[in-house]
C-alpha atoms as a PDB file:
ATOM      1  CA  MET A   1     -12.613  62.556 152.077  1.00  0.00           C
ATOM      2  CA  GLU A   2     -11.046  60.221 149.517  1.00  0.00           C
ATOM      3  CA  LYS A   3      -7.792  60.010 151.510  1.00  0.00           C
ATOM      4  CA  LYS A   4      -9.734  58.777 154.540  1.00  0.00           C
ATOM      5  CA  GLN A   5     -11.478  56.136 152.401  1.00  0.00           C
ATOM      6  CA  ASN A   6      -8.146  55.100 150.879  1.00  0.00           C
ATOM      7  CA  GLN A   7      -6.539  54.676 154.293  1.00  0.00           C
ATOM      8  CA  SER A   8      -9.543  52.721 155.526  1.00  0.00           C
ATOM      9  CA  THR A   9      -9.214  50.368 152.546  1.00  0.00           C
ATOM     10  CA  GLU A  10      -5.504  49.864 153.228  1.00  0.00           C
ATOM     11  CA  ASN A  11      -6.190  49.083 156.888  1.00  0.00           C
ATOM     12  CA  PHE A  12      -8.907  46.618 155.874  1.00  0.00           C
ATOM     13  CA  ILE A  13      -6.534  44.773 153.542  1.00  0.00           C
ATOM     14  CA  LYS A  14      -3.745  44.694 156.150  1.00  0.00           C
ATOM     15  CA  ASP A  15      -6.176  43.312 158.719  1.00  0.00           C
ATOM     16  CA  ILE A  16      -7.230  40.498 156.377  1.00  0.00           C
ATOM     17  CA  ARG A  17      -3.598  39.612 155.668  1.00  0.00           C
ATOM     18  CA  ARG A  18      -2.856  39.465 159.405  1.00  0.00           C
ATOM     19  CA  ARG A  19      -5.804  37.165 160.063  1.00  0.00           C
ATOM     20  CA  THR A  20      -5.023  34.767 157.210  1.00  0.00           C
ATOM     21  CA  ARG A  21      -1.286  34.544 157.845  1.00  0.00           C
ATOM     22  CA  ARG A  22      -0.067  30.969 158.244  1.00  0.00           C
ATOM     23  CA  VAL A  23       1.260  30.111 161.694  1.00  0.00           C
ATOM     24  CA  PHE A  24       3.930  27.455 162.141  1.00  0.00           C
ATOM     25  CA  PRO A  25       4.843  25.955 165.514  1.00  0.00           C
ATOM     26  CA  SER A  26       8.458  26.350 166.649  1.00  0.00           C
ATOM     27  CA  GLU A  27       9.170  22.646 166.145  1.00  0.00           C
ATOM     28  CA  GLN A  28       8.062  22.812 162.527  1.00  0.00           C
ATOM     29  CA  LYS A  29      10.216  25.901 161.881  1.00  0.00           C
ATOM     30  CA  ILE A  30      13.258  24.103 163.280  1.00  0.00           C
ATOM     31  CA  MET A  31      12.583  21.052 161.091  1.00  0.00           C
ATOM     32  CA  ILE A  32      12.265  23.248 157.991  1.00  0.00           C
ATOM     33  CA  VAL A  33      15.618  24.932 158.693  1.00  0.00           C
ATOM     34  CA  MET A  34      17.346  21.610 159.427  1.00  0.00           C
ATOM     35  CA  LYS A  35      16.087  20.076 156.164  1.00  0.00           C
ATOM     36  CA  ALA A  36      17.274  23.136 154.250  1.00  0.00           C
ATOM     37  CA  GLN A  37      20.742  22.933 155.822  1.00  0.00           C
ATOM     38  CA  ARG A  38      21.044  19.254 154.895  1.00  0.00           C
ATOM     39  CA  GLY A  39      19.981  20.057 151.343  1.00  0.00           C
ATOM     40  CA  GLU A  40      16.904  17.808 151.516  1.00  0.00           C
ATOM     41  CA  GLN A  41      14.474  20.611 150.857  1.00  0.00           C
ATOM     42  CA  SER A  42      14.590  24.345 150.201  1.00  0.00           C
ATOM     43  CA  VAL A  43      13.167  26.756 152.752  1.00  0.00           C
ATOM     44  CA  ALA A  44      10.698  28.025 150.158  1.00  0.00           C
ATOM     45  CA  GLU A  45       9.209  24.548 149.754  1.00  0.00           C
END
């Protein structure tokens, strides 16, 4: 019984993470990479 509850909790947490994940448009991703290559900004920033 506890294993089922544990798995349900894990699935709940994964679902929340999926829903709150930040989404960046393709253009913004390209700009981030270009700035990182020029040394203006790190990818992490």
